[in-house]
Amino acid sequence: MIFKKVSWLIKRHPFLYLTRFKLLSKNSNLEGIKGIAYNQINLSKDIPSNFKEINEEIFKDGKPSDDFEKAKTICLWLQDNIKGGPGLSEPSDRALQIMLEGKGGVCSDLTQVFNNFCVINGIKVREWGTTRAPFNREYGGHSFNEIYSETLKKWVLIDVSSSLLFYHKRDEPLSVIELYQLIRANEEVSFKTFNKNKPLIKNSVERNYLNPDTIPFLICNYSNKTYDSVLRYTRPLVPVFVSHFFIFAIGKSYYYSFPLDDYKKIVS
């Protein structure tokens, strides 16, 4: 109980949250994030075996040749088979198991397992998060993915939590950068889900994406193998923030890259 209270304070107390946020944040630009992908440091051979077993189930009826269609198939299967629950701080194989048992999983957990499925299917993928500027303690943020479509020759935002895509005038789905450039130019954007089994919660979409104070950041340098190794040997005996600080201290932590905004304005 004491560990849980201390962990909550480290993650949720505004001063400590902002301090951690500042340590992990870096300003960038569009050119600086152009080639960044989760696949750069996460190889298929390093993804836990249960992902590959579940992957057979996901594509039991055949695998599309198009990267975008493969990503949508993974997304639909995860949304239809994971009901969600409390956030997890577990190695990815254990997290996947817990989520499929219906015992947990928030948006950041879904984006992480989606990353791994994309890697083993040869889909170029990366993960984004959002915050608010100035810092809004009532808004917890949101996590989502972006995949590179070889057919469309562009990055495409895809939200695994709701099988969500964004559009502007044309039928071609938007990238993260395109979405926020349009929002900031007061251009109208539309959105829709490609999951016919579950209705879209429009208020959630507006809250997580369309609020004018929303700022996107790219999550970079996340080594699934590194975090799995540390969490596997430290959880549950050691609070998760201690495990993450250890990875930060040895220089192998992920970081947040801000291509459109100055992160210092958030924490000032």
C-alpha atoms as a PDB file:
ATOM      1  CA  MET A   1       0.000   0.000   0.000  1.00  0.00           C
ATOM      2  CA  ILE A   2       2.814   2.434   0.856  1.00  0.00           C
ATOM      3  CA  PHE A   3       4.577   1.642  -2.428  1.00  0.00           C
ATOM      4  CA  LYS A   4       1.348   2.338  -4.327  1.00  0.00           C
ATOM      5  CA  LYS A   5       0.899   5.692  -2.608  1.00  0.00           C
ATOM      6  CA  VAL A   6       4.497   6.731  -3.270  1.00  0.00           C
ATOM      7  CA  SER A   7       4.229   5.569  -6.886  1.00  0.00           C
ATOM      8  CA  TRP A   8       1.049   7.595  -7.325  1.00  0.00           C
ATOM      9  CA  LEU A   9       2.742  10.695  -5.929  1.00  0.00           C
ATOM     10  CA  ILE A  10       5.710  10.310  -8.280  1.00  0.00           C
ATOM     11  CA  LYS A  11       3.504   9.906 -11.325  1.00  0.00           C
ATOM     12  CA  ARG A  12       0.586  12.198 -10.502  1.00  0.00           C
ATOM     13  CA  HIS A  13       1.733  14.985  -8.207  1.00  0.00           C
ATOM     14  CA  PRO A  14       1.915  18.040 -10.523  1.00  0.00           C
ATOM     15  CA  PHE A  15       5.426  19.135  -9.493  1.00  0.00           C
ATOM     16  CA  LEU A  16       6.936  15.659  -9.764  1.00  0.00           C
ATOM     17  CA  TYR A  17       5.016  14.890 -12.949  1.00  0.00           C
ATOM     18  CA  LEU A  18       6.302  18.043 -14.609  1.00  0.00           C
ATOM     19  CA  THR A  19       9.864  17.372 -13.428  1.00  0.00           C
ATOM     20  CA  ARG A  20       9.799  13.895 -14.952  1.00  0.00           C
ATOM     21  CA  PHE A  21       8.176  15.274 -18.089  1.00  0.00           C
ATOM     22  CA  LYS A  22      10.890  17.887 -18.459  1.00  0.00           C
ATOM     23  CA  LEU A  23      13.660  15.293 -18.058  1.00  0.00           C
ATOM     24  CA  LEU A  24      12.225  13.152 -20.844  1.00  0.00           C
ATOM     25  CA  SER A  25      11.284  15.913 -23.299  1.00  0.00           C
ATOM     26  CA  LYS A  26      13.218  17.287 -26.269  1.00  0.00           C
ATOM     27  CA  ASN A  27      12.286  19.834 -28.912  1.00  0.00           C
ATOM     28  CA  SER A  28      12.558  18.704 -32.516  1.00  0.00           C
ATOM     29  CA  ASN A  29      11.183  19.549 -35.962  1.00  0.00           C
ATOM     30  CA  LEU A  30       9.506  17.784 -38.857  1.00  0.00           C
ATOM     31  CA  GLU A  31      12.809  16.805 -40.444  1.00  0.00           C
ATOM     32  CA  GLY A  32      14.097  15.496 -37.124  1.00  0.00           C
ATOM     33  CA  ILE A  33      11.295  12.945 -36.714  1.00  0.00           C
ATOM     34  CA  LYS A  34      11.031  11.969 -40.371  1.00  0.00           C
ATOM     35  CA  GLY A  35      12.854   8.650 -40.085  1.00  0.00           C
ATOM     36  CA  ILE A  36      11.996   7.718 -36.509  1.00  0.00           C
ATOM     37  CA  ALA A  37      10.188   4.399 -36.080  1.00  0.00           C
ATOM     38  CA  TYR A  38       9.721   1.835 -33.307  1.00  0.00           C
ATOM     39  CA  ASN A  39      11.166  -0.804 -35.649  1.00  0.00           C
ATOM     40  CA  GLN A  40      14.593   0.853 -35.609  1.00  0.00           C
ATOM     41  CA  ILE A  41      15.500  -0.590 -32.222  1.00  0.00           C
ATOM     42  CA  ASN A  42      12.893  -3.347 -31.849  1.00  0.00           C
ATOM     43  CA  LEU A  43      13.462  -6.450 -33.963  1.00  0.00           C
ATOM     44  CA  SER A  44      11.011  -9.257 -34.642  1.00  0.00           C
ATOM     45  CA  LYS A  45      13.312 -11.832 -33.052  1.00  0.00           C
ATOM     46  CA  ASP A  46      13.203  -9.927 -29.768  1.00  0.00           C
ATOM     47  CA  ILE A  47       9.404  -9.761 -29.506  1.00  0.00           C
ATOM     48  CA  PRO A  48       8.047 -12.280 -26.921  1.00  0.00           C
ATOM     49  CA  SER A  49       6.744 -15.570 -28.310  1.00  0.00           C
ATOM     50  CA  ASN A  50       3.140 -15.119 -27.140  1.00  0.00           C
ATOM     51  CA  PHE A  51       2.787 -12.213 -29.580  1.00  0.00           C
ATOM     52  CA  LYS A  52       3.692 -14.550 -32.425  1.00  0.00           C
ATOM     53  CA  GLU A  53       1.216 -17.156 -31.198  1.00  0.00           C
ATOM     54  CA  ILE A  54      -1.601 -14.604 -31.018  1.00  0.00           C
ATOM     55  CA  ASN A  55      -0.556 -13.245 -34.405  1.00  0.00           C
ATOM     56  CA  GLU A  56      -1.477 -16.606 -35.929  1.00  0.00           C
ATOM     57  CA  GLU A  57      -4.958 -16.189 -34.470  1.00  0.00           C
ATOM     58  CA  ILE A  58      -5.282 -12.619 -35.747  1.00  0.00           C
ATOM     59  CA  PHE A  59      -4.503 -13.679 -39.308  1.00  0.00           C
ATOM     60  CA  LYS A  60      -6.102 -17.125 -39.251  1.00  0.00           C
ATOM     61  CA  ASP A  61      -8.215 -16.174 -42.286  1.00  0.00           C
ATOM     62  CA  GLY A  62      -5.220 -14.912 -44.247  1.00  0.00           C
ATOM     63  CA  LYS A  63      -2.946 -11.904 -44.180  1.00  0.00           C
ATOM     64  CA  PRO A  64      -3.499  -8.897 -46.477  1.00  0.00           C
ATOM     65  CA  SER A  65      -0.546  -7.848 -48.604  1.00  0.00           C
ATOM     66  CA  ASP A  66      -1.109  -4.129 -47.931  1.00  0.00           C
ATOM     67  CA  ASP A  67       0.533  -2.721 -44.762  1.00  0.00           C
ATOM     68  CA  PHE A  68      -2.412  -0.466 -43.975  1.00  0.00           C
ATOM     69  CA  GLU A  69      -4.904  -3.339 -44.223  1.00  0.00           C
ATOM     70  CA  LYS A  70      -2.680  -5.537 -42.056  1.00  0.00           C
ATOM     71  CA  ALA A  71      -2.532  -2.788 -39.414  1.00  0.00           C
ATOM     72  CA  LYS A  72      -6.323  -2.387 -39.488  1.00  0.00           C
ATOM     73  CA  THR A  73      -6.762  -6.154 -39.059  1.00  0.00           C
ATOM     74  CA  ILE A  74      -4.506  -6.122 -35.978  1.00  0.00           C
ATOM     75  CA  CYS A  75      -6.312  -3.080 -34.607  1.00  0.00           C
ATOM     76  CA  LEU A  76      -9.775  -4.642 -35.035  1.00  0.00           C
ATOM     77  CA  TRP A  77      -8.730  -7.900 -33.405  1.00  0.00           C
ATOM     78  CA  LEU A  78      -7.234  -6.105 -30.386  1.00  0.00           C
ATOM     79  CA  GLN A  79     -10.235  -3.845 -29.917  1.00  0.00           C
ATOM     80  CA  ASP A  80     -12.665  -6.741 -30.221  1.00  0.00           C
ATOM     81  CA  ASN A  81     -10.725  -8.959 -27.804  1.00  0.00           C
ATOM     82  CA  ILE A  82      -9.507  -6.508 -25.154  1.00  0.00           C
ATOM     83  CA  LYS A  83     -12.096  -4.795 -22.997  1.00  0.00           C
ATOM     84  CA  GLY A  84      -9.584  -2.641 -21.095  1.00  0.00           C
ATOM     85  CA  GLY A  85      -9.191  -1.783 -17.440  1.00  0.00           C
ATOM     86  CA  PRO A  86      -6.514  -0.449 -15.062  1.00  0.00           C
ATOM     87  CA  GLY A  87      -3.163   0.654 -16.463  1.00  0.00           C
ATOM     88  CA  LEU A  88      -0.395  -1.950 -16.478  1.00  0.00           C
ATOM     89  CA  SER A  89       3.309  -1.672 -15.710  1.00  0.00           C
ATOM     90  CA  GLU A  90       4.359  -5.150 -16.723  1.00  0.00           C
ATOM     91  CA  PRO A  91       6.688  -6.770 -19.260  1.00  0.00           C
ATOM     92  CA  SER A  92       4.984  -6.781 -22.652  1.00  0.00           C
ATOM     93  CA  ASP A  93       4.292 -10.534 -22.730  1.00  0.00           C
ATOM     94  CA  ARG A  94       2.666 -10.396 -19.309  1.00  0.00           C
ATOM     95  CA  ALA A  95       0.766  -7.217 -20.246  1.00  0.00           C
ATOM     96  CA  LEU A  96      -0.659  -8.918 -23.339  1.00  0.00           C
ATOM     97  CA  GLN A  97      -1.729 -11.916 -21.275  1.00  0.00           C
ATOM     98  CA  ILE A  98      -3.457  -9.746 -18.655  1.00  0.00           C
ATOM     99  CA  MET A  99      -5.235  -7.710 -21.324  1.00  0.00           C
ATOM    100  CA  LEU A 100      -6.529 -10.800 -23.124  1.00  0.00           C
ATOM    101  CA  GLU A 101      -7.793 -12.135 -19.790  1.00  0.00           C
ATOM    102  CA  GLY A 102      -9.886  -8.975 -19.475  1.00  0.00           C
ATOM    103  CA  LYS A 103      -8.050  -7.728 -16.386  1.00  0.00           C
ATOM    104  CA  GLY A 104      -6.607  -4.419 -17.541  1.00  0.00           C
ATOM    105  CA  GLY A 105      -5.159  -2.212 -20.222  1.00  0.00           C
ATOM    106  CA  VAL A 106      -5.389   1.500 -21.013  1.00  0.00           C
ATOM    107  CA  CYS A 107      -4.572   3.320 -24.256  1.00  0.00           C
ATOM    108  CA  SER A 108      -0.802   3.267 -23.645  1.00  0.00           C
ATOM    109  CA  ASP A 109      -0.907  -0.503 -23.067  1.00  0.00           C
ATOM    110  CA  LEU A 110      -2.809  -0.999 -26.323  1.00  0.00           C
ATOM    111  CA  THR A 111      -0.370   1.140 -28.293  1.00  0.00           C
ATOM    112  CA  GLN A 112       2.540  -0.860 -26.908  1.00  0.00           C
ATOM    113  CA  VAL A 113       1.178  -4.279 -27.859  1.00  0.00           C
ATOM    114  CA  PHE A 114       0.122  -2.887 -31.248  1.00  0.00           C
ATOM    115  CA  ASN A 115       3.729  -1.750 -31.775  1.00  0.00           C
ATOM    116  CA  ASN A 116       4.961  -5.290 -31.213  1.00  0.00           C
ATOM    117  CA  PHE A 117       2.404  -6.858 -33.545  1.00  0.00           C
ATOM    118  CA  CYS A 118       3.374  -4.370 -36.232  1.00  0.00           C
ATOM    119  CA  VAL A 119       7.049  -5.278 -35.854  1.00  0.00           C
ATOM    120  CA  ILE A 120       6.493  -9.001 -36.333  1.00  0.00           C
ATOM    121  CA  ASN A 121       4.338  -8.258 -39.402  1.00  0.00           C
ATOM    122  CA  GLY A 122       6.883  -5.951 -40.998  1.00  0.00           C
ATOM    123  CA  ILE A 123       4.781  -2.799 -40.570  1.00  0.00           C
ATOM    124  CA  LYS A 124       6.663   0.423 -39.863  1.00  0.00           C
ATOM    125  CA  VAL A 125       5.121   1.895 -36.701  1.00  0.00           C
ATOM    126  CA  ARG A 126       5.613   4.525 -34.026  1.00  0.00           C
ATOM    127  CA  GLU A 127       3.796   5.788 -30.940  1.00  0.00           C
ATOM    128  CA  TRP A 128       2.524   9.251 -30.036  1.00  0.00           C
ATOM    129  CA  GLY A 129       1.144  10.865 -26.913  1.00  0.00           C
ATOM    130  CA  THR A 130      -0.684  14.102 -26.190  1.00  0.00           C
ATOM    131  CA  THR A 131      -0.639  16.641 -23.405  1.00  0.00           C
ATOM    132  CA  ARG A 132      -2.041  20.133 -22.923  1.00  0.00           C
ATOM    133  CA  ALA A 133      -0.334  23.527 -22.885  1.00  0.00           C
ATOM    134  CA  PRO A 134      -0.414  25.046 -20.418  1.00  0.00           C
ATOM    135  CA  PHE A 135      -0.300  21.911 -18.275  1.00  0.00           C
ATOM    136  CA  ASN A 136      -3.794  20.746 -17.343  1.00  0.00           C
ATOM    137  CA  ARG A 137      -3.849  18.442 -14.340  1.00  0.00           C
ATOM    138  CA  GLU A 138      -7.395  17.337 -15.212  1.00  0.00           C
ATOM    139  CA  TYR A 139      -6.276  15.954 -18.565  1.00  0.00           C
ATOM    140  CA  GLY A 140      -4.340  12.730 -18.280  1.00  0.00           C
ATOM    141  CA  GLY A 141      -3.220  12.574 -21.900  1.00  0.00           C
ATOM    142  CA  HIS A 142      -3.736   9.958 -24.584  1.00  0.00           C
ATOM    143  CA  SER A 143      -1.619   7.470 -26.537  1.00  0.00           C
ATOM    144  CA  PHE A 144      -2.070   6.340 -30.132  1.00  0.00           C
ATOM    145  CA  ASN A 145      -0.101   4.977 -33.064  1.00  0.00           C
ATOM    146  CA  GLU A 146       1.019   5.914 -36.533  1.00  0.00           C
ATOM    147  CA  ILE A 147       1.914   3.415 -39.247  1.00  0.00           C
ATOM    148  CA  TYR A 148       3.725   3.999 -42.508  1.00  0.00           C
ATOM    149  CA  SER A 149       1.678   2.944 -45.521  1.00  0.00           C
ATOM    150  CA  GLU A 150       3.873   1.865 -48.416  1.00  0.00           C
ATOM    151  CA  THR A 151       0.831   2.118 -50.679  1.00  0.00           C
ATOM    152  CA  LEU A 152      -0.017   5.698 -49.678  1.00  0.00           C
ATOM    153  CA  LYS A 153       3.663   6.615 -49.192  1.00  0.00           C
ATOM    154  CA  LYS A 154       2.918   8.420 -45.940  1.00  0.00           C
ATOM    155  CA  TRP A 155       2.432   8.047 -42.202  1.00  0.00           C
ATOM    156  CA  VAL A 156      -1.165   7.415 -41.082  1.00  0.00           C
ATOM    157  CA  LEU A 157      -2.576   8.053 -37.597  1.00  0.00           C
ATOM    158  CA  ILE A 158      -4.428   5.008 -36.246  1.00  0.00           C
ATOM    159  CA  ASP A 159      -5.998   4.855 -32.784  1.00  0.00           C
ATOM    160  CA  VAL A 160      -6.170   1.260 -31.577  1.00  0.00           C
ATOM    161  CA  SER A 161      -8.506   2.137 -28.694  1.00  0.00           C
ATOM    162  CA  SER A 162     -11.311   3.018 -31.100  1.00  0.00           C
ATOM    163  CA  SER A 163     -10.143   1.900 -34.580  1.00  0.00           C
ATOM    164  CA  LEU A 164     -10.087   5.587 -35.420  1.00  0.00           C
ATOM    165  CA  LEU A 165      -8.861   7.446 -38.515  1.00  0.00           C
ATOM    166  CA  PHE A 166      -8.948  11.165 -39.417  1.00  0.00           C
ATOM    167  CA  TYR A 167      -9.668  12.770 -42.802  1.00  0.00           C
ATOM    168  CA  HIS A 168      -9.710  16.143 -44.538  1.00  0.00           C
ATOM    169  CA  LYS A 169     -11.769  16.521 -47.742  1.00  0.00           C
ATOM    170  CA  ARG A 170     -10.163  13.536 -49.471  1.00  0.00           C
ATOM    171  CA  ASP A 171     -10.535   9.828 -48.676  1.00  0.00           C
ATOM    172  CA  GLU A 172      -6.868   9.569 -47.745  1.00  0.00           C
ATOM    173  CA  PRO A 173      -6.355   9.272 -43.967  1.00  0.00           C
ATOM    174  CA  LEU A 174      -4.272  11.888 -42.178  1.00  0.00           C
ATOM    175  CA  SER A 175      -0.923  11.610 -40.446  1.00  0.00           C
ATOM    176  CA  VAL A 176      -0.445  13.013 -36.935  1.00  0.00           C
ATOM    177  CA  ILE A 177       1.352  16.095 -38.239  1.00  0.00           C
ATOM    178  CA  GLU A 178      -1.280  16.708 -40.918  1.00  0.00           C
ATOM    179  CA  LEU A 179      -4.056  16.469 -38.334  1.00  0.00           C
ATOM    180  CA  TYR A 180      -2.568  19.024 -35.958  1.00  0.00           C
ATOM    181  CA  GLN A 181      -1.508  21.383 -38.726  1.00  0.00           C
ATOM    182  CA  LEU A 182      -5.105  21.399 -39.980  1.00  0.00           C
ATOM    183  CA  ILE A 183      -6.563  21.880 -36.500  1.00  0.00           C
ATOM    184  CA  ARG A 184      -4.257  24.824 -35.865  1.00  0.00           C
ATOM    185  CA  ALA A 185      -5.214  26.342 -39.217  1.00  0.00           C
ATOM    186  CA  ASN A 186      -8.888  26.084 -38.178  1.00  0.00           C
ATOM    187  CA  GLU A 187      -9.555  23.671 -41.014  1.00  0.00           C
ATOM    188  CA  GLU A 188     -12.380  21.198 -40.652  1.00  0.00           C
ATOM    189  CA  VAL A 189     -11.383  17.575 -40.132  1.00  0.00           C
ATOM    190  CA  SER A 190     -13.571  14.497 -39.992  1.00  0.00           C
ATOM    191  CA  PHE A 191     -13.107  11.175 -38.255  1.00  0.00           C
ATOM    192  CA  LYS A 192     -14.610   7.710 -38.337  1.00  0.00           C
ATOM    193  CA  THR A 193     -14.086   4.235 -36.981  1.00  0.00           C
ATOM    194  CA  PHE A 194     -13.527   1.213 -39.189  1.00  0.00           C
ATOM    195  CA  ASN A 195     -14.867  -1.120 -36.472  1.00  0.00           C
ATOM    196  CA  LYS A 196     -18.520  -1.841 -37.221  1.00  0.00           C
ATOM    197  CA  ASN A 197     -18.923  -3.774 -33.960  1.00  0.00           C
ATOM    198  CA  LYS A 198     -18.275  -0.846 -31.613  1.00  0.00           C
ATOM    199  CA  PRO A 199     -19.701   2.681 -31.726  1.00  0.00           C
ATOM    200  CA  LEU A 200     -17.384   5.667 -31.676  1.00  0.00           C
ATOM    201  CA  ILE A 201     -17.507   7.901 -28.593  1.00  0.00           C
ATOM    202  CA  LYS A 202     -17.366  11.351 -30.178  1.00  0.00           C
ATOM    203  CA  ASN A 203     -16.824  13.226 -26.914  1.00  0.00           C
ATOM    204  CA  SER A 204     -13.709  11.155 -26.294  1.00  0.00           C
ATOM    205  CA  VAL A 205     -12.349  11.956 -29.766  1.00  0.00           C
ATOM    206  CA  GLU A 206     -12.935  15.670 -29.247  1.00  0.00           C
ATOM    207  CA  ARG A 207     -11.306  15.563 -25.809  1.00  0.00           C
ATOM    208  CA  ASN A 208      -8.234  13.584 -26.868  1.00  0.00           C
ATOM    209  CA  TYR A 209      -7.562  15.144 -30.258  1.00  0.00           C
ATOM    210  CA  LEU A 210      -9.529  18.243 -31.185  1.00  0.00           C
ATOM    211  CA  ASN A 211      -9.082  20.495 -28.163  1.00  0.00           C
ATOM    212  CA  PRO A 212      -7.036  23.498 -29.402  1.00  0.00           C
ATOM    213  CA  ASP A 213      -4.661  23.242 -26.413  1.00  0.00           C
ATOM    214  CA  THR A 214      -3.645  19.675 -27.297  1.00  0.00           C
ATOM    215  CA  ILE A 215       0.032  19.122 -28.081  1.00  0.00           C
ATOM    216  CA  PRO A 216       1.356  15.932 -29.712  1.00  0.00           C
ATOM    217  CA  PHE A 217       4.730  14.364 -28.955  1.00  0.00           C
ATOM    218  CA  LEU A 218       6.495  11.365 -30.460  1.00  0.00           C
ATOM    219  CA  ILE A 219       7.741   8.635 -28.119  1.00  0.00           C
ATOM    220  CA  CYS A 220      11.274   7.773 -29.211  1.00  0.00           C
ATOM    221  CA  ASN A 221      13.968   5.237 -28.328  1.00  0.00           C
ATOM    222  CA  TYR A 222      11.641   2.799 -26.539  1.00  0.00           C
ATOM    223  CA  SER A 223      13.423  -0.549 -26.390  1.00  0.00           C
ATOM    224  CA  ASN A 224      10.839  -3.205 -25.616  1.00  0.00           C
ATOM    225  CA  LYS A 225      13.598  -5.704 -24.841  1.00  0.00           C
ATOM    226  CA  THR A 226      15.227  -3.351 -22.319  1.00  0.00           C
ATOM    227  CA  TYR A 227      12.022  -2.452 -20.502  1.00  0.00           C
ATOM    228  CA  ASP A 228      10.823  -6.069 -20.492  1.00  0.00           C
ATOM    229  CA  SER A 229      14.111  -7.223 -18.955  1.00  0.00           C
ATOM    230  CA  VAL A 230      14.098  -4.629 -16.186  1.00  0.00           C
ATOM    231  CA  LEU A 231      10.395  -4.956 -15.361  1.00  0.00           C
ATOM    232  CA  ARG A 232      10.586  -8.746 -15.350  1.00  0.00           C
ATOM    233  CA  TYR A 233      13.209  -8.713 -12.596  1.00  0.00           C
ATOM    234  CA  THR A 234      11.930  -5.775 -10.575  1.00  0.00           C
ATOM    235  CA  ARG A 235       8.144  -6.104 -10.627  1.00  0.00           C
ATOM    236  CA  PRO A 236       6.262  -6.309  -8.288  1.00  0.00           C
ATOM    237  CA  LEU A 237       8.937  -5.958  -5.602  1.00  0.00           C
ATOM    238  CA  VAL A 238      10.124  -2.561  -6.835  1.00  0.00           C
ATOM    239  CA  PRO A 239       7.778   0.362  -7.625  1.00  0.00           C
ATOM    240  CA  VAL A 240       7.575   0.959 -11.357  1.00  0.00           C
ATOM    241  CA  PHE A 241       8.918   4.508 -11.106  1.00  0.00           C
ATOM    242  CA  VAL A 242      12.137   3.125  -9.601  1.00  0.00           C
ATOM    243  CA  SER A 243      12.504   0.696 -12.520  1.00  0.00           C
ATOM    244  CA  HIS A 244      11.967   3.497 -15.024  1.00  0.00           C
ATOM    245  CA  PHE A 245      14.388   5.805 -13.231  1.00  0.00           C
ATOM    246  CA  PHE A 246      17.052   3.084 -13.334  1.00  0.00           C
ATOM    247  CA  ILE A 247      16.651   2.806 -17.112  1.00  0.00           C
ATOM    248  CA  PHE A 248      16.850   6.598 -17.371  1.00  0.00           C
ATOM    249  CA  ALA A 249      19.982   6.680 -15.206  1.00  0.00           C
ATOM    250  CA  ILE A 250      21.832   4.176 -17.427  1.00  0.00           C
ATOM    251  CA  GLY A 251      20.948   6.201 -20.536  1.00  0.00           C
ATOM    252  CA  LYS A 252      18.545   3.736 -22.147  1.00  0.00           C
ATOM    253  CA  SER A 253      15.256   5.502 -21.488  1.00  0.00           C
ATOM    254  CA  TYR A 254      12.696   6.530 -24.068  1.00  0.00           C
ATOM    255  CA  TYR A 255      12.130  10.262 -24.571  1.00  0.00           C
ATOM    256  CA  TYR A 256       9.426  12.605 -25.851  1.00  0.00           C
ATOM    257  CA  SER A 257      10.090  14.509 -29.062  1.00  0.00           C
ATOM    258  CA  PHE A 258       8.092  17.696 -29.795  1.00  0.00           C
ATOM    259  CA  PRO A 259       8.130  18.512 -33.539  1.00  0.00           C
ATOM    260  CA  LEU A 260       5.468  21.253 -33.505  1.00  0.00           C
ATOM    261  CA  ASP A 261       5.813  22.957 -30.120  1.00  0.00           C
ATOM    262  CA  ASP A 262       8.256  24.061 -27.448  1.00  0.00           C
ATOM    263  CA  TYR A 263       7.841  21.655 -24.545  1.00  0.00           C
ATOM    264  CA  LYS A 264       9.190  24.319 -22.165  1.00  0.00           C
ATOM    265  CA  LYS A 265       5.946  26.260 -22.552  1.00  0.00           C
ATOM    266  CA  ILE A 266       4.098  23.331 -21.014  1.00  0.00           C
ATOM    267  CA  VAL A 267       6.212  23.141 -17.889  1.00  0.00           C
ATOM    268  CA  SER A 268       6.912  26.861 -17.427  1.00  0.00           C
END
